[in-house]
Amino acid sequence: MGNKLGHLIYTYNNLDDAYIQQELSKKLYAQQFGGVQLVHAYDGKPEFGYKKYLEDELITIDNPGHFRGATALINTGLNYFMEHGDPEVQYVLVAASDSWLLNVGYLEKIIATMQSENRVLAASSWFSAYPQEMRGFSTDFFIIDITWNREAKLFPLGYDAFVKKFEDVLALNGEFPFMERAVQYYFQKYLMANYEDYSAKHHGNELMLRITSREPVDGDQRAYNREEIGLFTAPDPAPKQAALKALGIELGPHSKKLVEATDLSYYNLGRDWQGTYPVMATI
């Protein structure tokens, strides 16, 4: 496609997902773009035993919690691209380690649209589906123009300041301090600071590319896997195993291990992929 792609993967404990996404990056994406600069931001525990793999740069930090941890990983990784990024990299794909895009043609389509229409951020609405207004910007999978970000300073994201500013509202409404809402808030602040009052929304619509094909990302109507665009984000590795088999491309040893596995209990440190959460007691 031309310009080299930037790719930031961030991980806590989805180690097998991280290894395979790196194989996708270096063996699949790199063929379609002019190469890939791959940065991996990691805050897992030492006992997890992660080993550097295909990354051009592995950045390890301490984990300060769920939302703060994800924010710190994204901030650290994008800071690296801003300070040490390959000059050929304009667009950076940011993905949680378990968010795989297997359809490289769809990734090309997103970036080609960003280039031709001068869009600077491509993301999905987290809590709503088009044509509803966006409610939170997806942070598990988005693409950002890193050249624009150097000027706009959307990242590094001021997450702690956001929580402090709105803690009373969050507490009153019983809401989690979702990072996805913080990204939308600071994007809107950028628009208000740089464009005249009523025109801010107009310019926001010009700058944003909304990836509607996976909405809503979270909530009652969420679908972890969107096979029609090749995006797989489910904790359960079985759908990813089937998708890799269907892809039919030799990507590397970690992909091969998953494709050939008859027992998936090893995957991602053998965690319970379904996850169970306490339910409030009622009477």
Protein backbone atom coordinates (compact mmCIF):
# COMPACT_ATOMS: atom_id res chain seq x y z
CA MET A 1 0.00 0.00 0.00
CA GLY A 2 2.95 2.31 0.43
CA ASN A 3 3.60 4.02 3.75
CA LYS A 4 4.81 1.85 6.60
CA LEU A 5 2.19 0.99 9.20
CA GLY A 6 2.72 1.66 12.88
CA HIS A 7 1.29 -1.04 15.14
CA LEU A 8 0.98 -0.76 18.92
CA ILE A 9 -0.09 -3.89 20.81
CA TYR A 10 -0.75 -3.62 24.54
CA THR A 11 -0.92 -6.58 26.91
CA TYR A 12 -1.41 -7.59 30.50
CA ASN A 13 -2.02 -11.35 30.62
CA ASN A 14 -3.20 -12.38 27.13
CA LEU A 15 0.24 -13.64 26.20
CA ASP A 16 -0.73 -16.11 23.47
CA ASP A 17 -2.96 -13.49 21.88
CA ALA A 18 -0.02 -11.09 21.91
CA TYR A 19 2.36 -13.56 20.27
CA ILE A 20 -0.10 -14.37 17.50
CA GLN A 21 -1.06 -10.75 16.85
CA GLN A 22 2.64 -10.05 16.36
CA GLU A 23 2.76 -12.80 13.74
CA LEU A 24 -0.24 -11.24 12.03
CA SER A 25 1.54 -7.90 12.08
CA LYS A 26 4.89 -9.00 10.72
CA LYS A 27 3.74 -11.77 8.39
CA LEU A 28 0.40 -10.44 7.09
CA TYR A 29 0.17 -6.67 7.52
CA ALA A 30 3.79 -6.05 6.55
CA GLN A 31 3.23 -7.60 3.13
CA GLN A 32 0.36 -5.23 2.34
CA PHE A 33 1.94 -2.06 3.67
CA GLY A 34 5.50 -0.87 3.26
CA GLY A 35 6.48 -2.83 6.34
CA VAL A 36 5.37 -2.49 9.96
CA GLN A 37 7.01 -0.78 12.91
CA LEU A 38 5.75 -2.92 15.79
CA VAL A 39 5.77 -1.66 19.37
CA HIS A 40 4.54 -3.80 22.26
CA ALA A 41 3.64 -2.21 25.59
CA TYR A 42 3.44 -4.80 28.36
CA ASP A 43 2.58 -4.58 32.07
CA GLY A 44 2.17 -8.23 33.02
CA LYS A 45 3.74 -9.85 36.07
CA PRO A 46 7.28 -11.26 35.78
CA GLU A 47 5.98 -14.71 36.70
CA PHE A 48 3.86 -14.74 33.54
CA GLY A 49 7.13 -15.41 31.73
CA TYR A 50 6.64 -13.24 28.66
CA LYS A 51 9.60 -13.28 26.25
CA LYS A 52 10.33 -10.63 23.60
CA TYR A 53 9.21 -11.90 20.23
CA LEU A 54 8.75 -9.99 16.95
CA GLU A 55 8.49 -6.49 18.40
CA ASP A 56 10.76 -3.76 17.10
CA GLU A 57 10.42 -2.31 20.58
CA LEU A 58 9.18 -3.96 23.78
CA ILE A 59 8.26 -1.52 26.55
CA THR A 60 7.56 -2.92 30.02
CA ILE A 61 5.88 -0.92 32.78
CA ASP A 62 4.23 -1.64 36.12
CA ASN A 63 0.50 -2.30 36.16
CA PRO A 64 -1.51 0.35 38.06
CA GLY A 65 -4.91 -1.29 37.53
CA HIS A 66 -7.39 -1.99 34.75
CA PHE A 67 -8.30 1.40 33.26
CA ARG A 68 -5.16 3.15 34.47
CA GLY A 69 -3.08 0.23 33.23
CA ALA A 70 -4.57 0.30 29.73
CA THR A 71 -4.19 4.08 29.62
CA ALA A 72 -0.56 3.88 30.70
CA LEU A 73 0.20 1.24 28.08
CA ILE A 74 -1.38 3.22 25.25
CA ASN A 75 0.23 6.47 26.41
CA THR A 76 3.65 4.85 26.67
CA GLY A 77 3.40 3.16 23.30
CA LEU A 78 2.16 6.22 21.43
CA ASN A 79 4.80 8.37 23.12
CA TYR A 80 7.37 6.00 21.64
CA PHE A 81 5.94 6.52 18.16
CA MET A 82 5.92 10.29 18.63
CA GLU A 83 9.51 10.38 19.83
CA HIS A 84 11.14 7.47 17.99
CA GLY A 85 8.68 6.54 15.25
CA ASP A 86 9.89 5.64 11.78
CA PRO A 87 9.47 8.80 9.65
CA GLU A 88 7.51 6.71 7.13
CA VAL A 89 4.84 5.94 9.76
CA GLN A 90 1.82 8.24 9.77
CA TYR A 91 -0.94 5.91 10.90
CA VAL A 92 -0.69 3.75 14.01
CA LEU A 93 -3.02 0.83 14.65
CA VAL A 94 -3.57 0.51 18.40
CA ALA A 95 -4.94 -2.86 19.51
CA ALA A 96 -5.37 -4.76 22.73
CA SER A 97 -3.51 -8.04 22.38
CA ASP A 98 -6.74 -10.03 22.13
CA SER A 99 -8.22 -7.79 19.40
CA TRP A 100 -7.18 -9.38 16.11
CA LEU A 101 -8.02 -8.07 12.66
CA LEU A 102 -7.48 -10.94 10.22
CA ASN A 103 -8.90 -9.15 7.19
CA VAL A 104 -5.97 -7.03 6.07
CA GLY A 105 -8.08 -5.69 3.20
CA TYR A 106 -10.42 -4.09 5.71
CA LEU A 107 -7.46 -2.47 7.47
CA GLU A 108 -6.26 -1.13 4.12
CA LYS A 109 -9.72 0.27 3.44
CA ILE A 110 -9.79 2.15 6.74
CA ILE A 111 -6.37 3.70 6.24
CA ALA A 112 -6.99 4.51 2.57
CA THR A 113 -10.15 6.36 3.61
CA MET A 114 -8.25 8.23 6.30
CA GLN A 115 -5.63 9.26 3.73
CA SER A 116 -8.03 10.33 1.00
CA GLU A 117 -10.41 12.19 3.34
CA ASN A 118 -7.83 13.57 5.79
CA ARG A 119 -9.31 11.75 8.77
CA VAL A 120 -7.11 11.64 11.87
CA LEU A 121 -8.85 9.10 14.10
CA ALA A 122 -10.75 5.91 13.25
CA ALA A 123 -12.68 4.29 16.10
CA SER A 124 -16.01 2.73 17.02
CA SER A 125 -18.61 3.93 19.48
CA TRP A 126 -18.21 1.92 22.68
CA PHE A 127 -21.75 2.03 24.11
CA SER A 128 -23.98 2.96 21.17
CA ALA A 129 -24.55 1.87 17.59
CA TYR A 130 -24.86 4.02 14.49
CA PRO A 131 -26.88 6.17 13.78
CA GLN A 132 -26.95 7.05 17.49
CA GLU A 133 -24.39 9.57 18.69
CA MET A 134 -21.07 8.10 19.74
CA ARG A 135 -20.74 7.24 23.43
CA GLY A 136 -17.10 6.56 24.14
CA PHE A 137 -14.36 5.87 21.59
CA SER A 138 -13.09 2.30 21.27
CA THR A 139 -9.64 1.86 22.78
CA ASP A 140 -9.21 -1.86 22.15
CA PHE A 141 -8.98 -1.18 18.42
CA PHE A 142 -8.43 2.22 16.80
CA ILE A 143 -6.17 3.97 14.31
CA ILE A 144 -4.62 7.39 14.86
CA ASP A 145 -2.67 9.80 12.69
CA ILE A 146 0.46 10.14 14.80
CA THR A 147 1.51 13.33 12.97
CA TRP A 148 -1.79 14.96 13.95
CA ASN A 149 -1.45 13.70 17.53
CA ARG A 150 1.91 15.46 17.92
CA GLU A 151 0.03 18.74 17.49
CA ALA A 152 -3.34 17.82 19.00
CA LYS A 153 -1.93 15.99 22.04
CA LEU A 154 -4.97 13.74 22.43
CA PHE A 155 -2.43 11.25 23.75
CA PRO A 156 -0.89 10.96 26.26
CA LEU A 157 -4.39 10.85 27.69
CA GLY A 158 -4.96 12.72 30.93
CA TYR A 159 -6.99 9.92 32.46
CA ASP A 160 -6.45 10.75 36.14
CA ALA A 161 -7.46 14.38 35.55
CA PHE A 162 -10.62 13.17 33.80
CA VAL A 163 -11.56 10.92 36.74
CA LYS A 164 -10.85 13.66 39.27
CA LYS A 165 -12.91 16.20 37.34
CA PHE A 166 -15.96 13.95 36.98
CA GLU A 167 -15.73 11.74 40.06
CA ASP A 168 -18.90 13.18 41.62
CA VAL A 169 -20.90 12.68 38.43
CA LEU A 170 -19.54 9.15 38.03
CA ALA A 171 -20.35 8.31 41.63
CA LEU A 172 -23.84 9.82 41.40
CA ASN A 173 -24.66 7.75 38.32
CA GLY A 174 -22.93 4.59 39.55
CA GLU A 175 -20.67 4.52 36.49
CA PHE A 176 -17.22 3.06 35.98
CA PRO A 177 -14.56 5.61 34.97
CA PHE A 178 -14.33 4.22 31.45
CA MET A 179 -11.23 5.23 29.54
CA GLU A 180 -13.32 5.20 26.36
CA ARG A 181 -15.34 8.15 27.63
CA ALA A 182 -12.15 9.99 28.56
CA VAL A 183 -10.84 9.71 24.99
CA GLN A 184 -14.08 11.13 23.60
CA TYR A 185 -14.01 13.93 26.18
CA TYR A 186 -10.49 15.03 25.28
CA PHE A 187 -11.21 14.79 21.55
CA GLN A 188 -14.17 17.12 22.07
CA LYS A 189 -12.00 19.45 24.18
CA TYR A 190 -9.51 19.60 21.29
CA LEU A 191 -12.30 20.56 18.90
CA MET A 192 -13.66 23.26 21.23
CA ALA A 193 -10.18 24.73 21.69
CA ASN A 194 -9.36 24.83 17.99
CA TYR A 195 -12.64 25.59 16.21
CA GLU A 196 -15.31 28.23 16.64
CA ASP A 197 -18.18 27.12 18.93
CA TYR A 198 -20.90 25.67 16.68
CA SER A 199 -18.43 24.56 13.99
CA ALA A 200 -16.60 22.25 16.43
CA LYS A 201 -19.00 19.36 15.81
CA HIS A 202 -18.78 19.90 12.05
CA HIS A 203 -15.00 19.68 12.16
CA GLY A 204 -15.19 16.67 14.48
CA ASN A 205 -17.27 14.88 11.86
CA GLU A 206 -14.66 15.79 9.26
CA LEU A 207 -11.74 14.51 11.35
CA MET A 208 -13.32 11.30 12.68
CA LEU A 209 -13.84 8.04 10.79
CA ARG A 210 -16.42 6.00 12.66
CA ILE A 211 -16.01 2.22 12.36
CA THR A 212 -19.69 1.32 12.61
CA SER A 213 -19.34 -2.32 11.57
CA ARG A 214 -18.58 -3.49 15.15
CA GLU A 215 -20.96 -1.32 17.15
CA PRO A 216 -21.81 -1.37 19.94
CA VAL A 217 -18.50 -2.65 21.25
CA ASP A 218 -19.80 -3.09 24.79
CA GLY A 219 -23.21 -3.53 26.38
CA ASP A 220 -26.15 -5.87 25.95
CA GLN A 221 -25.89 -5.98 22.14
CA ARG A 222 -22.14 -6.49 21.92
CA ALA A 223 -20.66 -9.11 19.63
CA TYR A 224 -17.09 -10.03 20.47
CA ASN A 225 -16.40 -11.39 17.00
CA ARG A 226 -17.34 -9.62 13.78
CA GLU A 227 -16.57 -12.24 11.17
CA GLU A 228 -17.86 -10.06 8.33
CA ILE A 229 -14.88 -7.71 8.78
CA GLY A 230 -12.47 -10.30 10.21
CA LEU A 231 -12.27 -8.80 13.71
CA PHE A 232 -12.01 -11.24 16.62
CA THR A 233 -11.92 -10.01 20.22
CA ALA A 234 -13.55 -12.83 22.21
CA PRO A 235 -11.68 -14.25 25.22
CA ASP A 236 -12.57 -17.76 24.01
CA PRO A 237 -9.80 -18.85 21.58
CA ALA A 238 -11.95 -21.37 19.69
CA PRO A 239 -13.36 -18.84 17.16
CA LYS A 240 -9.87 -17.49 16.59
CA GLN A 241 -8.58 -21.00 16.03
CA ALA A 242 -11.27 -21.57 13.37
CA ALA A 243 -10.54 -18.22 11.74
CA LEU A 244 -6.81 -18.93 11.55
CA LYS A 245 -7.53 -22.30 9.98
CA ALA A 246 -9.76 -20.61 7.40
CA LEU A 247 -7.08 -18.01 6.70
CA GLY A 248 -4.80 -20.83 5.62
CA ILE A 249 -1.54 -18.88 5.89
CA GLU A 250 1.57 -20.00 7.74
CA LEU A 251 2.16 -17.13 10.15
CA GLY A 252 4.49 -18.56 12.77
CA PRO A 253 4.90 -21.11 15.56
CA HIS A 254 2.35 -19.60 17.94
CA SER A 255 -0.37 -19.50 15.29
CA LYS A 256 0.54 -23.03 14.26
CA LYS A 257 0.26 -24.24 17.85
CA LEU A 258 -3.25 -22.79 18.18
CA VAL A 259 -4.39 -24.12 14.80
CA GLU A 260 -3.23 -27.64 15.64
CA ALA A 261 -4.32 -27.68 19.30
CA THR A 262 -6.95 -30.17 20.41
CA ASP A 263 -6.80 -28.91 23.99
CA LEU A 264 -7.05 -25.12 24.42
CA SER A 265 -6.55 -25.10 28.18
CA TYR A 266 -3.00 -23.75 27.75
CA TYR A 267 -4.15 -20.57 26.05
CA ASN A 268 -3.48 -17.22 27.75
CA LEU A 269 -2.09 -18.87 30.89
CA GLY A 270 -5.10 -21.17 31.08
CA ARG A 271 -7.42 -18.41 32.27
CA ASP A 272 -11.19 -18.89 32.47
CA TRP A 273 -12.09 -17.31 29.14
CA GLN A 274 -15.76 -16.87 29.94
CA GLY A 275 -15.11 -14.86 33.08
CA THR A 276 -17.52 -14.72 36.00
CA TYR A 277 -18.53 -11.57 37.79
CA PRO A 278 -20.34 -11.24 41.12
CA VAL A 279 -24.03 -10.46 40.84
CA MET A 280 -25.62 -8.14 43.39
CA ALA A 281 -27.66 -10.05 45.95
CA THR A 282 -31.42 -9.48 45.87
CA ILE A 283 -34.28 -10.49 48.15
